Amino acid sequence: MSTDTAARPEVRAAVRQGLWVGIATGAYGISFGALSVASGLDVWQTCVLSLLMFTGGSQFAFIGVIGGGGAGGAAAATALLLGVRNTLYSLQMAPMLQLRGPRRLAAAQVTIDESVAVSLAQPDAASRRAGFWAAGVGVFVFWNLATLGGALLGDVLGDPRRWGLDGAAAAAFVALLWPRLRERRAQAIGVVAAVVAVVLVPLAPAGLPILAAGAAAAVVAWCQHRSAKAARA
């Protein structure tokens, strides 16, 4: 990124937004560290899981199965199911990032909900790239530091939900989503996705509600696009 590009207000705003999302989401890593140790993994196993898997939903699903007495294969399969959405993110982000070699591998590692959400919230290509890297690297650094802290202090902290840390990531997403819900079309998509997720959470295995909500949102968006295209014809 050139000096002129980095100095643009839109790019600086994207970087600030990405870093704040990184801090808010990273703080939730304390919960993961504490719960992982409570589930039977040691500190090093917990930290390696955060470094390599690095997708919160999959990590919580993994230790949930392990903590419940499940086999490693079942835990890995559940985590993989939740991680499928990151593959879809990569297909969308690759043309915008246009990376090769080691940077492409680094981008794949930090392609998560937060980096994609911050990137797509920006108004132009330069600020989208800046937001992607700021959020992705920010979450990676703070999440792994918080994981280590939670694993070491798990017994002292007790249940992390008492501190409200389980709501940090959700709050960051709501803050990102809120400005995009001004139009009725976006509101309709959000309502349909939310209803599908709420209905399926108590009925379906972990991961399926998220995928189903995303599929429902895509169907509604496609129907809206078709209706708008027909109206213009």
Foldseek 3Di string as FASTA:
>chain_A
DDPVLCPDPLQVVLLVLLLVLLQLLLLLLLQLLLLLVVLPDALVVLLVCCLPLVAVLLSVQLSVCSSVVHDNVVSNVLSVLQCPVLVVLCVVCCVLQVDDDPVNVVLSNLSYPQLSLSLVLGDDSSSSNSNNVSNSVSNSVSNSVSSSVSNVCSVVCDNCVVVVSVCRNVVSNCVSCVVVVPDPLSVVLVVQLVVQLVVCVVPDRPNVSNVVSVVSSVVSVVVVVVVVVVVVD
